[in-house]
Amino acid sequence: MITVVIADDHRMVREAWKLVLNRDNRLSVSALCENGFKVVEVCRDNPPDVVLMDINMDPMNGIEATKAIREFSNDIKIIGISVHTDLSYIHALMKAGGNGYVTKNSSGEEMINAILEVMEGRSYYCKEIAEYHL
C-alpha cells in the first residue's frame, strides 16, 4: 500500500483528490494538509511514501515545503501540483527536490500514474507539461 499525503490550501481540492485516490486499492491517503508548515510536520512525524504538493500555498509554499522535507528525507516522493504550466514553477520544484509535476487539469488516472512512476524511481511530468515544454 502506497501512503499519500495531500497538501493543498483549498479544502475541496484536498477532498476531491482523496476521493479519487482512495478508489485505487494500491493507494491510501494518510493525511490532508492545508499549508506547507503542516505538510512538513506530517512528513517528519509520520513519513508517507508520496506527497502531492500544491505549489501556491501560504504562509509556506510548496517549493519551500519541498526544500524543508528534503532536509530530513530523500525517501519521500514529492509531486508538485499546480494550475501553472510555466517552466519556472516546474524547474523551481524539481530543483527543490521534487520528483514530478502534474497540473490541476490532469485526470485522476494520470495522477495515479504519476504516483506509480515516482514510486518506481522515475520522474513524471503530466501530458499537458510534456506536450508544451519538455
N, C-alpha and C. Protein backbone atom coordinates (compact mmCIF):
# COMPACT_ATOMS: atom_id res chain seq x y z
N MET A 1 0.84 -1.19 0.00
CA MET A 1 0.00 0.00 0.00
C MET A 1 0.89 1.25 0.00
N ILE A 2 0.63 2.14 -0.94
CA ILE A 2 1.36 3.40 -1.06
C ILE A 2 0.61 4.46 -0.25
N THR A 3 1.29 5.04 0.74
CA THR A 3 0.65 6.09 1.53
C THR A 3 0.89 7.46 0.89
N VAL A 4 -0.16 8.26 0.86
CA VAL A 4 -0.12 9.55 0.18
C VAL A 4 -0.61 10.65 1.12
N VAL A 5 0.12 11.76 1.14
CA VAL A 5 -0.31 12.97 1.84
C VAL A 5 -0.65 14.00 0.77
N ILE A 6 -1.78 14.66 0.94
CA ILE A 6 -2.22 15.70 0.00
C ILE A 6 -2.09 17.05 0.69
N ALA A 7 -1.30 17.94 0.08
CA ALA A 7 -1.11 19.30 0.61
C ALA A 7 -1.65 20.30 -0.39
N ASP A 8 -2.72 20.97 -0.03
CA ASP A 8 -3.33 21.99 -0.89
C ASP A 8 -4.11 22.93 0.01
N ASP A 9 -4.06 24.22 -0.29
CA ASP A 9 -4.74 25.19 0.56
C ASP A 9 -6.24 25.29 0.29
N HIS A 10 -6.73 24.56 -0.69
CA HIS A 10 -8.17 24.54 -0.97
C HIS A 10 -8.77 23.22 -0.49
N ARG A 11 -9.67 23.32 0.46
CA ARG A 11 -10.27 22.12 1.06
C ARG A 11 -10.94 21.20 0.05
N MET A 12 -11.69 21.78 -0.88
CA MET A 12 -12.39 20.96 -1.88
C MET A 12 -11.40 20.19 -2.76
N VAL A 13 -10.28 20.80 -3.08
CA VAL A 13 -9.25 20.13 -3.88
C VAL A 13 -8.69 18.94 -3.10
N ARG A 14 -8.35 19.16 -1.83
CA ARG A 14 -7.83 18.08 -0.99
C ARG A 14 -8.83 16.92 -0.93
N GLU A 15 -10.07 17.25 -0.67
CA GLU A 15 -11.09 16.21 -0.52
C GLU A 15 -11.37 15.49 -1.83
N ALA A 16 -11.36 16.22 -2.94
CA ALA A 16 -11.59 15.58 -4.24
C ALA A 16 -10.47 14.61 -4.58
N TRP A 17 -9.19 15.03 -4.39
CA TRP A 17 -8.08 14.11 -4.66
C TRP A 17 -8.14 12.89 -3.75
N LYS A 18 -8.53 13.11 -2.50
CA LYS A 18 -8.64 11.98 -1.57
C LYS A 18 -9.66 10.97 -2.09
N LEU A 19 -10.81 11.43 -2.51
CA LEU A 19 -11.84 10.53 -3.04
C LEU A 19 -11.33 9.75 -4.25
N VAL A 20 -10.68 10.45 -5.15
CA VAL A 20 -10.16 9.81 -6.37
C VAL A 20 -9.10 8.77 -6.02
N LEU A 21 -8.15 9.14 -5.19
CA LEU A 21 -7.03 8.24 -4.90
C LEU A 21 -7.44 7.05 -4.05
N ASN A 22 -8.35 7.25 -3.11
CA ASN A 22 -8.77 6.14 -2.26
C ASN A 22 -9.59 5.09 -3.00
N ARG A 23 -10.03 5.40 -4.22
CA ARG A 23 -10.73 4.39 -5.04
C ARG A 23 -9.77 3.34 -5.58
N ASP A 24 -8.48 3.66 -5.59
CA ASP A 24 -7.46 2.73 -6.08
C ASP A 24 -6.92 1.94 -4.88
N ASN A 25 -7.06 0.61 -4.91
CA ASN A 25 -6.69 -0.19 -3.74
C ASN A 25 -5.19 -0.26 -3.49
N ARG A 26 -4.38 0.33 -4.36
CA ARG A 26 -2.92 0.39 -4.13
C ARG A 26 -2.53 1.61 -3.31
N LEU A 27 -3.48 2.55 -3.14
CA LEU A 27 -3.19 3.83 -2.51
C LEU A 27 -4.02 4.04 -1.25
N SER A 28 -3.43 4.77 -0.32
CA SER A 28 -4.13 5.16 0.90
C SER A 28 -3.73 6.58 1.28
N VAL A 29 -4.70 7.48 1.32
CA VAL A 29 -4.41 8.86 1.72
C VAL A 29 -4.33 8.89 3.25
N SER A 30 -3.15 9.24 3.75
CA SER A 30 -2.92 9.19 5.20
C SER A 30 -3.12 10.54 5.89
N ALA A 31 -3.06 11.65 5.14
CA ALA A 31 -3.27 12.96 5.75
C ALA A 31 -3.61 13.99 4.68
N LEU A 32 -4.36 15.01 5.11
CA LEU A 32 -4.68 16.16 4.28
C LEU A 32 -4.12 17.39 4.99
N CYS A 33 -3.33 18.18 4.27
CA CYS A 33 -2.66 19.34 4.87
C CYS A 33 -3.04 20.61 4.13
N GLU A 34 -3.29 21.67 4.90
CA GLU A 34 -3.76 22.91 4.29
C GLU A 34 -2.65 23.91 3.97
N ASN A 35 -1.42 23.62 4.41
CA ASN A 35 -0.32 24.53 4.08
C ASN A 35 1.02 23.81 4.18
N GLY A 36 2.08 24.52 3.78
CA GLY A 36 3.41 23.94 3.76
C GLY A 36 3.93 23.56 5.13
N PHE A 37 3.65 24.37 6.15
CA PHE A 37 4.11 24.05 7.50
C PHE A 37 3.53 22.73 7.97
N LYS A 38 2.24 22.54 7.72
CA LYS A 38 1.55 21.32 8.16
C LYS A 38 2.11 20.09 7.45
N VAL A 39 2.35 20.18 6.15
CA VAL A 39 2.85 19.01 5.42
C VAL A 39 4.26 18.65 5.86
N VAL A 40 5.09 19.63 6.17
CA VAL A 40 6.44 19.34 6.68
C VAL A 40 6.33 18.61 8.02
N GLU A 41 5.46 19.09 8.88
CA GLU A 41 5.25 18.47 10.20
C GLU A 41 4.77 17.02 10.05
N VAL A 42 3.79 16.80 9.19
CA VAL A 42 3.26 15.46 8.98
C VAL A 42 4.34 14.53 8.42
N CYS A 43 5.12 15.03 7.47
CA CYS A 43 6.17 14.21 6.86
C CYS A 43 7.27 13.86 7.87
N ARG A 44 7.54 14.75 8.78
CA ARG A 44 8.55 14.49 9.81
C ARG A 44 8.02 13.46 10.82
N ASP A 45 6.76 13.60 11.22
CA ASP A 45 6.20 12.75 12.27
C ASP A 45 5.75 11.38 11.78
N ASN A 46 5.24 11.31 10.57
CA ASN A 46 4.70 10.06 10.03
C ASN A 46 4.93 10.03 8.52
N PRO A 47 6.17 9.78 8.09
CA PRO A 47 6.52 9.92 6.67
C PRO A 47 5.67 9.06 5.73
N PRO A 48 5.06 9.70 4.74
CA PRO A 48 4.32 8.96 3.72
C PRO A 48 5.28 8.49 2.63
N ASP A 49 4.76 7.74 1.69
CA ASP A 49 5.54 7.37 0.51
C ASP A 49 5.59 8.53 -0.48
N VAL A 50 4.45 9.23 -0.63
CA VAL A 50 4.31 10.28 -1.64
C VAL A 50 3.56 11.48 -1.06
N VAL A 51 4.00 12.67 -1.45
CA VAL A 51 3.26 13.91 -1.14
C VAL A 51 2.82 14.52 -2.46
N LEU A 52 1.54 14.86 -2.54
CA LEU A 52 1.02 15.67 -3.64
C LEU A 52 1.04 17.10 -3.13
N MET A 53 1.94 17.91 -3.68
CA MET A 53 2.28 19.21 -3.11
C MET A 53 1.80 20.36 -4.00
N ASP A 54 0.78 21.07 -3.52
CA ASP A 54 0.36 22.29 -4.22
C ASP A 54 1.53 23.28 -4.19
N ILE A 55 1.75 23.97 -5.28
CA ILE A 55 2.87 24.91 -5.36
C ILE A 55 2.54 26.21 -4.64
N ASN A 56 1.32 26.72 -4.83
CA ASN A 56 0.95 28.02 -4.26
C ASN A 56 0.11 27.85 -3.01
N MET A 57 0.79 27.93 -1.86
CA MET A 57 0.12 27.90 -0.56
C MET A 57 0.75 28.98 0.30
N ASP A 58 -0.01 29.48 1.27
CA ASP A 58 0.51 30.43 2.25
C ASP A 58 0.34 29.82 3.63
N PRO A 59 1.16 30.11 4.59
CA PRO A 59 2.30 31.02 4.53
C PRO A 59 3.57 30.37 3.98
N MET A 60 3.64 29.05 3.89
CA MET A 60 4.79 28.38 3.28
C MET A 60 4.32 27.69 2.01
N ASN A 61 4.94 28.03 0.87
CA ASN A 61 4.50 27.44 -0.39
C ASN A 61 5.08 26.04 -0.60
N GLY A 62 4.66 25.39 -1.66
CA GLY A 62 5.07 24.02 -1.92
C GLY A 62 6.55 23.85 -2.23
N ILE A 63 7.16 24.85 -2.82
CA ILE A 63 8.60 24.76 -3.12
C ILE A 63 9.40 24.86 -1.82
N GLU A 64 9.01 25.79 -0.95
CA GLU A 64 9.68 25.90 0.35
C GLU A 64 9.47 24.64 1.19
N ALA A 65 8.26 24.09 1.15
CA ALA A 65 7.97 22.87 1.91
C ALA A 65 8.77 21.69 1.36
N THR A 66 8.93 21.62 0.04
CA THR A 66 9.73 20.55 -0.55
C THR A 66 11.17 20.64 -0.07
N LYS A 67 11.74 21.85 -0.07
CA LYS A 67 13.10 22.04 0.43
C LYS A 67 13.21 21.61 1.89
N ALA A 68 12.22 21.97 2.69
CA ALA A 68 12.24 21.62 4.12
C ALA A 68 12.16 20.11 4.32
N ILE A 69 11.34 19.43 3.54
CA ILE A 69 11.24 17.97 3.64
C ILE A 69 12.55 17.32 3.22
N ARG A 70 13.19 17.86 2.20
CA ARG A 70 14.47 17.28 1.73
C ARG A 70 15.58 17.42 2.77
N GLU A 71 15.42 18.32 3.73
CA GLU A 71 16.42 18.46 4.79
C GLU A 71 16.45 17.24 5.70
N PHE A 72 15.35 16.49 5.78
CA PHE A 72 15.32 15.31 6.65
C PHE A 72 14.94 14.02 5.94
N SER A 73 14.54 14.08 4.67
CA SER A 73 14.18 12.85 3.95
C SER A 73 14.39 12.98 2.45
N ASN A 74 15.10 12.01 1.90
CA ASN A 74 15.18 11.89 0.45
C ASN A 74 14.30 10.75 -0.04
N ASP A 75 13.68 10.03 0.88
CA ASP A 75 12.86 8.87 0.51
C ASP A 75 11.44 9.24 0.11
N ILE A 76 10.90 10.30 0.69
CA ILE A 76 9.54 10.72 0.37
C ILE A 76 9.52 11.27 -1.05
N LYS A 77 8.62 10.75 -1.87
CA LYS A 77 8.46 11.23 -3.24
C LYS A 77 7.52 12.43 -3.21
N ILE A 78 7.88 13.48 -3.96
CA ILE A 78 7.08 14.71 -3.96
C ILE A 78 6.68 15.05 -5.39
N ILE A 79 5.37 15.14 -5.60
CA ILE A 79 4.82 15.51 -6.90
C ILE A 79 4.17 16.89 -6.75
N GLY A 80 4.68 17.86 -7.49
CA GLY A 80 4.10 19.19 -7.48
C GLY A 80 2.78 19.21 -8.22
N ILE A 81 1.84 19.99 -7.70
CA ILE A 81 0.53 20.14 -8.34
C ILE A 81 0.25 21.63 -8.45
N SER A 82 -0.16 22.05 -9.63
CA SER A 82 -0.44 23.48 -9.81
C SER A 82 -1.31 23.70 -11.04
N VAL A 83 -1.93 24.87 -11.10
CA VAL A 83 -2.60 25.29 -12.32
C VAL A 83 -1.58 25.84 -13.30
N HIS A 84 -0.38 26.15 -12.80
CA HIS A 84 0.65 26.78 -13.63
C HIS A 84 1.38 25.76 -14.50
N THR A 85 1.55 26.11 -15.76
CA THR A 85 2.34 25.28 -16.68
C THR A 85 3.67 25.96 -17.01
N ASP A 86 3.92 27.09 -16.41
CA ASP A 86 5.14 27.85 -16.66
C ASP A 86 6.36 27.06 -16.21
N LEU A 87 7.38 27.02 -17.05
CA LEU A 87 8.60 26.25 -16.75
C LEU A 87 9.29 26.71 -15.47
N SER A 88 9.17 27.98 -15.10
CA SER A 88 9.83 28.46 -13.89
C SER A 88 9.32 27.73 -12.65
N TYR A 89 8.02 27.43 -12.59
CA TYR A 89 7.46 26.69 -11.46
C TYR A 89 7.98 25.25 -11.46
N ILE A 90 7.99 24.65 -12.62
CA ILE A 90 8.44 23.26 -12.73
C ILE A 90 9.90 23.14 -12.33
N HIS A 91 10.74 24.01 -12.87
CA HIS A 91 12.17 23.96 -12.55
C HIS A 91 12.41 24.24 -11.06
N ALA A 92 11.69 25.19 -10.50
CA ALA A 92 11.87 25.52 -9.08
C ALA A 92 11.53 24.32 -8.20
N LEU A 93 10.43 23.63 -8.53
CA LEU A 93 10.06 22.47 -7.73
C LEU A 93 11.08 21.35 -7.87
N MET A 94 11.50 21.08 -9.09
CA MET A 94 12.46 19.99 -9.32
C MET A 94 13.80 20.31 -8.67
N LYS A 95 14.22 21.57 -8.72
CA LYS A 95 15.47 21.97 -8.08
C LYS A 95 15.38 21.83 -6.56
N ALA A 96 14.19 22.04 -6.02
CA ALA A 96 13.97 21.91 -4.57
C ALA A 96 13.97 20.45 -4.12
N GLY A 97 13.85 19.53 -5.08
CA GLY A 97 13.86 18.11 -4.73
C GLY A 97 12.62 17.36 -5.13
N GLY A 98 11.79 17.96 -5.97
CA GLY A 98 10.58 17.29 -6.44
C GLY A 98 10.88 16.12 -7.36
N ASN A 99 9.91 15.22 -7.46
CA ASN A 99 10.05 14.03 -8.31
C ASN A 99 9.14 14.06 -9.53
N GLY A 100 8.22 14.99 -9.56
CA GLY A 100 7.30 15.07 -10.69
C GLY A 100 6.43 16.31 -10.59
N TYR A 101 5.63 16.52 -11.64
CA TYR A 101 4.80 17.72 -11.71
C TYR A 101 3.55 17.39 -12.51
N VAL A 102 2.40 17.70 -11.92
CA VAL A 102 1.11 17.42 -12.55
C VAL A 102 0.25 18.66 -12.43
N THR A 103 -0.40 19.05 -13.51
CA THR A 103 -1.28 20.22 -13.43
C THR A 103 -2.65 19.80 -12.89
N LYS A 104 -3.37 20.78 -12.42
CA LYS A 104 -4.70 20.52 -11.88
C LYS A 104 -5.71 20.20 -12.97
N ASN A 105 -5.30 20.30 -14.23
CA ASN A 105 -6.14 19.87 -15.34
C ASN A 105 -6.04 18.37 -15.58
N SER A 106 -5.11 17.71 -14.93
CA SER A 106 -4.86 16.28 -15.16
C SER A 106 -5.99 15.44 -14.59
N SER A 107 -6.15 14.27 -15.17
CA SER A 107 -7.19 13.34 -14.71
C SER A 107 -6.72 12.58 -13.47
N GLY A 108 -7.66 11.96 -12.80
CA GLY A 108 -7.32 11.10 -11.67
C GLY A 108 -6.43 9.95 -12.11
N GLU A 109 -6.70 9.41 -13.28
CA GLU A 109 -5.88 8.32 -13.81
C GLU A 109 -4.43 8.77 -14.01
N GLU A 110 -4.25 9.97 -14.52
CA GLU A 110 -2.89 10.47 -14.72
C GLU A 110 -2.18 10.70 -13.38
N MET A 111 -2.91 11.19 -12.38
CA MET A 111 -2.31 11.37 -11.06
C MET A 111 -1.86 10.03 -10.48
N ILE A 112 -2.68 9.02 -10.63
CA ILE A 112 -2.31 7.68 -10.15
C ILE A 112 -1.07 7.19 -10.90
N ASN A 113 -1.04 7.39 -12.20
CA ASN A 113 0.15 7.01 -12.98
C ASN A 113 1.39 7.76 -12.49
N ALA A 114 1.25 9.03 -12.17
CA ALA A 114 2.37 9.82 -11.66
C ALA A 114 2.89 9.22 -10.35
N ILE A 115 1.98 8.87 -9.46
CA ILE A 115 2.37 8.27 -8.18
C ILE A 115 3.12 6.97 -8.41
N LEU A 116 2.60 6.13 -9.28
CA LEU A 116 3.25 4.84 -9.54
C LEU A 116 4.62 5.03 -10.19
N GLU A 117 4.74 5.99 -11.08
CA GLU A 117 6.03 6.25 -11.75
C GLU A 117 7.08 6.74 -10.76
N VAL A 118 6.73 7.70 -9.90
CA VAL A 118 7.74 8.20 -8.97
C VAL A 118 8.09 7.14 -7.93
N MET A 119 7.16 6.27 -7.61
CA MET A 119 7.47 5.18 -6.68
C MET A 119 8.47 4.20 -7.29
N GLU A 120 8.52 4.15 -8.61
CA GLU A 120 9.49 3.29 -9.31
C GLU A 120 10.84 4.00 -9.49
N GLY A 121 10.94 5.22 -8.98
CA GLY A 121 12.20 5.95 -9.05
C GLY A 121 12.36 6.83 -10.28
N ARG A 122 11.28 7.00 -11.03
CA ARG A 122 11.34 7.83 -12.23
C ARG A 122 10.69 9.19 -11.96
N SER A 123 11.09 10.18 -12.75
CA SER A 123 10.42 11.48 -12.71
C SER A 123 9.16 11.39 -13.55
N TYR A 124 8.19 12.24 -13.24
CA TYR A 124 6.95 12.23 -14.00
C TYR A 124 6.50 13.66 -14.28
N TYR A 125 6.16 13.90 -15.54
CA TYR A 125 5.57 15.18 -15.95
C TYR A 125 4.28 14.85 -16.68
N CYS A 126 3.18 15.51 -16.29
CA CYS A 126 1.90 15.23 -16.91
C CYS A 126 1.93 15.54 -18.41
N LYS A 127 0.96 15.01 -19.11
CA LYS A 127 0.89 15.18 -20.56
C LYS A 127 0.84 16.65 -20.96
N GLU A 128 0.09 17.44 -20.21
CA GLU A 128 -0.04 18.86 -20.54
C GLU A 128 1.33 19.55 -20.52
N ILE A 129 2.16 19.22 -19.56
CA ILE A 129 3.51 19.80 -19.46
C ILE A 129 4.41 19.23 -20.54
N ALA A 130 4.39 17.93 -20.69
CA ALA A 130 5.28 17.26 -21.66
C ALA A 130 5.02 17.74 -23.09
N GLU A 131 3.76 17.95 -23.43
CA GLU A 131 3.40 18.37 -24.79
C GLU A 131 3.92 19.77 -25.13
N TYR A 132 3.93 20.65 -24.15
CA TYR A 132 4.25 22.04 -24.43
C TYR A 132 5.66 22.47 -24.06
N HIS A 133 6.28 21.74 -23.12
CA HIS A 133 7.53 22.26 -22.58
C HIS A 133 8.72 21.32 -22.63
N LEU A 134 8.50 20.04 -22.65
CA LEU A 134 9.65 19.13 -22.48
C LEU A 134 10.02 18.43 -23.77
